[in-house]
């Protein structure tokens, strides 16, 4: 979808659907906070409008697809309405939880890049560079750190919106999903306003953050061993035992051939892939960012 088409859809949704939320925005304060912490540069009204628009499109598309199956397989027409409603609700729910999921991802990336960013800031501070120029340099430098994305917003607040470094860092701390990054920014403000030595602060923060990162990676290695044991039990031993028990039940005559084949297919092609996917998701969610 082209950017022009996207803008047209957003304008349509904002104008015709957004009016419904105009006097209800105060009920979505948690979502507004999540959007800010997730780094999603979109207004609350626009996000809600697009969520409802996508939900309507999903419901209509789901109803049309279900209608085709109704006509082909002669199943009850009520499935068209039920599937349409379920798909529409599912799309809306996914839109509501998306910011929260992005918060976790953004937090991990900020925590992972913070030690290197602190070392970079310490080197810049040792050269006598001021804090606002440090963040401006960090936003322009091609060092491939996730913190650079937030540094761009800090520099924008200072150079375009005319905020001082204290207010710009305070705003960045409030929209940060990472307690470590928030504490780091608040420490810069406290050191700067009290006349402390920023170079020493950056050096100490870099050492502490690097130590925390190493401990986090060690903890992940230990957790990975638990996941390996869980994978062995849930995805190999348990399904194997289930198939053996089904075979014994079939030999005793308590289950016919069709039931046995059906259950084996369910275990092989549904249960095992679901269990494997759950473990993969858990491993990915707990894995430290590079």
Protein backbone atom coordinates (compact mmCIF):
# COMPACT_ATOMS: atom_id res chain seq x y z
CA UNK A 1 0.00 0.00 0.00
CA UNK A 2 1.43 3.37 -1.05
CA UNK A 3 1.97 6.21 1.41
CA UNK A 4 -0.62 8.30 -0.45
CA UNK A 5 -3.27 5.58 -0.03
CA UNK A 6 -2.33 5.20 3.62
CA UNK A 7 -2.76 8.93 4.21
CA UNK A 8 -6.17 8.89 2.52
CA UNK A 9 -7.31 5.98 4.70
CA UNK A 10 -5.97 7.67 7.84
CA UNK A 11 -7.71 10.93 6.94
CA UNK A 12 -10.98 9.11 6.32
CA UNK A 13 -10.77 7.13 9.57
CA UNK A 14 -9.77 10.20 11.59
CA UNK A 15 -12.59 12.31 10.21
CA UNK A 16 -15.49 9.86 10.30
CA UNK A 17 -14.53 7.40 13.04
CA UNK A 18 -12.45 9.70 15.23
CA UNK A 19 -15.49 11.84 16.04
CA UNK A 20 -16.90 8.94 18.01
CA UNK A 21 -13.85 8.94 20.32
CA UNK A 22 -13.53 12.72 20.67
CA UNK A 23 -15.28 12.91 24.06
CA UNK A 24 -14.03 9.49 25.21
CA UNK A 25 -10.27 9.94 24.89
CA UNK A 26 -9.85 10.36 28.66
CA UNK A 27 -10.94 6.72 29.05
CA UNK A 28 -7.89 5.57 27.06
CA UNK A 29 -5.16 7.21 29.15
CA UNK A 30 -3.36 3.88 29.61
CA UNK A 31 -3.30 3.35 25.85
CA UNK A 32 -2.01 6.89 25.36
CA UNK A 33 0.81 6.21 27.80
CA UNK A 34 1.62 2.91 26.08
CA UNK A 35 1.78 4.62 22.68
CA UNK A 36 4.27 7.14 24.07
CA UNK A 37 6.42 4.50 25.76
CA UNK A 38 6.31 2.28 22.65
CA UNK A 39 7.75 5.14 20.59
CA UNK A 40 4.74 5.18 18.26
CA UNK A 41 4.45 8.72 16.92
CA UNK A 42 0.68 8.74 16.40
CA UNK A 43 -2.09 10.56 18.22
CA UNK A 44 -4.48 8.62 20.42
CA UNK A 45 -7.50 9.60 18.32
CA UNK A 46 -5.78 8.54 15.10
CA UNK A 47 -4.73 5.19 16.58
CA UNK A 48 -8.22 4.40 17.84
CA UNK A 49 -9.73 5.45 14.51
CA UNK A 50 -7.40 3.18 12.55
CA UNK A 51 -8.01 0.30 15.00
CA UNK A 52 -11.76 0.50 14.41
CA UNK A 53 -11.28 0.92 10.65
CA UNK A 54 -9.07 -2.19 10.46
CA UNK A 55 -11.57 -4.05 12.62
CA UNK A 56 -14.41 -3.20 10.22
CA UNK A 57 -12.34 -4.19 7.18
CA UNK A 58 -11.35 -7.45 8.89
CA UNK A 59 -14.98 -8.22 9.75
CA UNK A 60 -16.15 -7.58 6.20
CA UNK A 61 -13.31 -9.60 4.66
CA UNK A 62 -13.91 -12.47 7.10
CA UNK A 63 -17.63 -12.46 6.33
CA UNK A 64 -16.99 -12.58 2.59
CA UNK A 65 -14.55 -15.49 2.91
CA UNK A 66 -16.96 -17.35 5.20
CA UNK A 67 -19.82 -16.70 2.77
CA UNK A 68 -17.83 -18.44 0.04
CA UNK A 69 -17.44 -21.51 2.25
CA UNK A 70 -21.16 -21.35 3.10
CA UNK A 71 -22.08 -21.45 -0.57
CA UNK A 72 -19.62 -24.22 -1.39
CA UNK A 73 -20.08 -26.55 1.59
CA UNK A 74 -23.70 -25.67 2.44
CA UNK A 75 -22.93 -24.82 6.07
CA UNK A 76 -25.33 -22.62 8.12
CA UNK A 77 -25.45 -18.95 7.10
CA UNK A 78 -25.09 -17.86 10.73
CA UNK A 79 -21.38 -18.67 10.47
CA UNK A 80 -21.00 -15.61 8.21
CA UNK A 81 -22.14 -13.26 10.95
CA UNK A 82 -20.33 -15.09 13.74
CA UNK A 83 -17.00 -15.28 11.89
CA UNK A 84 -17.24 -11.64 10.83
CA UNK A 85 -17.82 -10.49 14.40
CA UNK A 86 -15.07 -12.70 15.80
CA UNK A 87 -12.50 -11.52 13.23
CA UNK A 88 -13.47 -7.89 13.77
CA UNK A 89 -13.14 -8.22 17.55
CA UNK A 90 -9.83 -10.09 17.17
CA UNK A 91 -8.36 -7.34 14.95
CA UNK A 92 -9.42 -4.66 17.45
CA UNK A 93 -7.99 -6.59 20.41
CA UNK A 94 -4.68 -7.10 18.58
CA UNK A 95 -4.54 -3.35 17.88
CA UNK A 96 -5.12 -2.60 21.57
CA UNK A 97 -2.33 -4.91 22.80
CA UNK A 98 0.19 -4.04 20.08
CA UNK A 99 1.63 -0.96 21.89
CA UNK A 100 2.18 -3.01 25.06
CA UNK A 101 4.07 -5.67 23.10
CA UNK A 102 6.23 -3.02 21.43
CA UNK A 103 7.04 -1.53 24.83
CA UNK A 104 8.77 -4.75 25.86
CA UNK A 105 10.74 -4.90 22.62
CA UNK A 106 11.78 -1.25 22.89
CA UNK A 107 12.80 -1.72 26.54
CA UNK A 108 15.06 -4.64 25.67
CA UNK A 109 16.72 -2.74 22.83
CA UNK A 110 17.28 0.35 24.99
CA UNK A 111 18.78 -1.70 27.82
CA UNK A 112 21.04 -3.54 25.37
CA UNK A 113 22.44 -0.41 23.70
CA UNK A 114 22.67 1.73 26.85
CA UNK A 115 26.15 0.54 28.03
CA UNK A 116 27.73 1.35 24.66
CA UNK A 117 25.89 4.68 24.52
CA UNK A 118 27.13 5.59 28.01
CA UNK A 119 30.72 4.81 26.95
CA UNK A 120 30.27 6.97 23.86
CA UNK A 121 28.90 9.82 25.98
CA UNK A 122 31.82 9.51 28.41
CA UNK A 123 34.29 9.86 25.54
CA UNK A 124 32.42 12.89 24.19
CA UNK A 125 32.22 14.47 27.65
CA UNK A 126 35.95 14.03 28.18
CA UNK A 127 36.45 16.23 25.12
CA UNK A 128 34.40 19.01 26.72
CA UNK A 129 31.24 18.51 24.65
CA UNK A 130 28.04 19.79 26.29
CA UNK A 131 25.14 17.38 27.01
CA UNK A 132 22.86 18.78 24.28
CA UNK A 133 25.65 18.43 21.71
CA UNK A 134 26.40 14.92 22.97
CA UNK A 135 22.83 13.82 22.23
CA UNK A 136 22.92 15.62 18.88
CA UNK A 137 26.13 13.79 17.98
CA UNK A 138 24.67 10.51 19.18
CA UNK A 139 21.62 11.03 16.98
CA UNK A 140 23.79 11.63 13.90
CA UNK A 141 26.53 9.09 14.52
CA UNK A 142 26.32 5.85 12.57
CA UNK A 143 27.13 3.55 15.48
CA UNK A 144 23.95 1.49 15.08
CA UNK A 145 22.64 1.98 18.63
CA UNK A 146 18.94 1.93 19.43
CA UNK A 147 19.46 4.82 21.85
CA UNK A 148 20.21 6.97 18.80
CA UNK A 149 16.50 6.90 17.90
CA UNK A 150 15.60 8.50 21.21
CA UNK A 151 18.56 10.89 20.94
CA UNK A 152 17.02 12.21 17.71
CA UNK A 153 13.83 13.10 19.61
CA UNK A 154 15.84 14.80 22.36
CA UNK A 155 17.75 16.85 19.79
CA UNK A 156 14.47 17.68 18.04
CA UNK A 157 12.99 18.97 21.30
CA UNK A 158 16.04 21.17 21.87
CA UNK A 159 16.79 22.49 18.38
CA UNK A 160 13.27 22.68 16.91
CA UNK A 161 10.92 23.08 19.87
CA UNK A 162 13.31 25.28 21.86
CA UNK A 163 13.37 23.22 25.07
CA UNK A 164 16.40 23.30 27.35
CA UNK A 165 18.36 20.11 27.98
CA UNK A 166 16.71 19.57 31.39
CA UNK A 167 13.16 19.60 30.03
CA UNK A 168 14.13 17.59 26.95
CA UNK A 169 15.68 14.85 29.08
CA UNK A 170 12.73 14.96 31.47
CA UNK A 171 10.35 14.38 28.54
CA UNK A 172 12.54 11.52 27.28
CA UNK A 173 12.54 9.94 30.76
CA UNK A 174 8.72 10.07 30.93
CA UNK A 175 8.29 8.33 27.56
CA UNK A 176 10.97 5.73 28.28
CA UNK A 177 9.79 2.12 28.77
CA UNK A 178 13.09 1.20 30.44
CA UNK A 179 13.66 1.97 34.15
CA UNK A 180 17.41 1.83 33.51
CA UNK A 181 17.24 4.40 30.73
CA UNK A 182 14.92 6.60 32.81
CA UNK A 183 17.34 6.46 35.75
CA UNK A 184 20.24 7.19 33.40
CA UNK A 185 18.58 10.32 32.01
CA UNK A 186 17.50 11.52 35.45
CA UNK A 187 21.09 11.04 36.62
CA UNK A 188 22.34 13.24 33.76
CA UNK A 189 19.87 15.96 34.77
CA UNK A 190 20.79 15.72 38.45
CA UNK A 191 24.53 15.80 37.73
CA UNK A 192 24.20 18.63 35.23
CA UNK A 193 21.99 20.88 37.36
CA UNK A 194 24.05 20.31 40.53
CA UNK A 195 27.32 21.14 38.77
CA UNK A 196 28.73 17.63 39.06
CA UNK A 197 31.29 15.96 36.82
CA UNK A 198 29.40 14.51 33.87
CA UNK A 199 32.44 12.62 32.60
CA UNK A 200 32.72 10.69 35.88
CA UNK A 201 28.99 10.05 35.84
CA UNK A 202 29.09 8.63 32.31
CA UNK A 203 32.12 6.47 33.11
CA UNK A 204 30.57 5.04 36.28
CA UNK A 205 27.22 4.51 34.55
CA UNK A 206 28.96 2.71 31.68
CA UNK A 207 30.73 0.32 34.06
CA UNK A 208 27.56 -0.41 36.06
CA UNK A 209 25.44 -0.91 32.95
CA UNK A 210 28.01 -3.21 31.36
CA UNK A 211 28.15 -5.28 34.55
CA UNK A 212 24.34 -5.54 34.59
CA UNK A 213 24.36 -6.59 30.93
CA UNK A 214 26.88 -9.36 31.58
CA UNK A 215 24.80 -10.63 34.51
CA UNK A 216 21.69 -10.55 32.33
CA UNK A 217 23.40 -12.62 29.63
CA UNK A 218 24.60 -15.15 32.21
CA UNK A 219 21.05 -15.42 33.53
CA UNK A 220 19.77 -16.02 30.02
CA UNK A 221 22.25 -18.87 29.49
CA UNK A 222 20.93 -20.54 32.65
CA UNK A 223 17.35 -19.92 31.55
CA UNK A 224 18.16 -21.43 28.16
CA UNK A 225 19.01 -24.70 29.92
CA UNK A 226 15.57 -24.72 31.54
CA UNK A 227 13.95 -24.11 28.16
CA UNK A 228 15.91 -27.03 26.70
CA UNK A 229 14.58 -29.32 29.43
CA UNK A 230 11.07 -27.97 28.91
CA UNK A 231 11.34 -28.61 25.17
CA UNK A 232 12.52 -32.17 25.80
CA UNK A 233 9.63 -32.93 28.16
CA UNK A 234 6.82 -31.06 26.39
CA UNK A 235 7.69 -31.67 22.74
CA UNK A 236 9.38 -35.07 22.74
CA UNK A 237 8.71 -37.19 25.82
CA UNK A 238 5.06 -36.26 26.44
CA UNK A 239 3.85 -36.68 22.80
CA UNK A 240 5.76 -39.96 22.51
CA UNK A 241 4.14 -41.27 25.67
CA UNK A 242 0.76 -40.12 24.38
CA UNK A 243 1.17 -42.03 21.12
CA UNK A 244 2.29 -45.15 23.01
CA UNK A 245 -0.73 -44.96 25.33
CA UNK A 246 -3.03 -44.53 22.33
CA UNK A 247 -1.51 -47.58 20.69
CA UNK A 248 -2.04 -49.63 23.87
CA UNK A 249 -5.65 -48.42 24.07
CA UNK A 250 -6.20 -49.42 20.45
CA UNK A 251 -4.74 -52.89 21.06
CA UNK A 252 -7.12 -53.37 24.00
CA UNK A 253 -10.08 -52.56 21.78
CA UNK A 254 -11.16 -49.41 23.66
CA UNK A 255 -10.56 -47.26 20.56
CA UNK A 256 -11.28 -47.86 16.91
CA UNK A 257 -8.85 -47.28 14.07
CA UNK A 258 -10.37 -43.95 12.94
CA UNK A 259 -10.21 -42.47 16.44
CA UNK A 260 -6.60 -43.57 16.81
CA UNK A 261 -5.57 -42.01 13.49
CA UNK A 262 -7.41 -38.77 14.32
CA UNK A 263 -5.74 -38.39 17.73
CA UNK A 264 -2.29 -39.18 16.31
CA UNK A 265 -2.80 -36.53 13.61
CA UNK A 266 -3.91 -34.00 16.25
CA UNK A 267 -0.83 -34.71 18.36
CA UNK A 268 1.57 -34.66 15.40
CA UNK A 269 0.30 -31.71 13.38
CA UNK A 270 -1.46 -29.53 15.98
CA UNK A 271 -0.29 -30.17 19.56
CA UNK A 272 3.45 -30.52 18.91
CA UNK A 273 3.71 -27.43 16.61
CA UNK A 274 1.74 -25.35 19.16
CA UNK A 275 4.03 -26.42 22.02
CA UNK A 276 7.13 -25.75 19.93
CA UNK A 277 5.85 -22.32 18.92
CA UNK A 278 5.13 -21.42 22.56
CA UNK A 279 8.65 -22.36 23.61
CA UNK A 280 10.17 -20.44 20.70
CA UNK A 281 8.15 -17.36 21.67
CA UNK A 282 9.27 -17.66 25.31
CA UNK A 283 12.92 -18.02 24.29
CA UNK A 284 12.69 -15.04 21.95
CA UNK A 285 10.94 -12.94 24.59
CA UNK A 286 13.62 -13.58 27.19
CA UNK A 287 16.61 -13.29 24.86
CA UNK A 288 18.83 -10.23 25.47
CA UNK A 289 19.29 -7.97 22.47
CA UNK A 290 22.71 -7.74 20.88
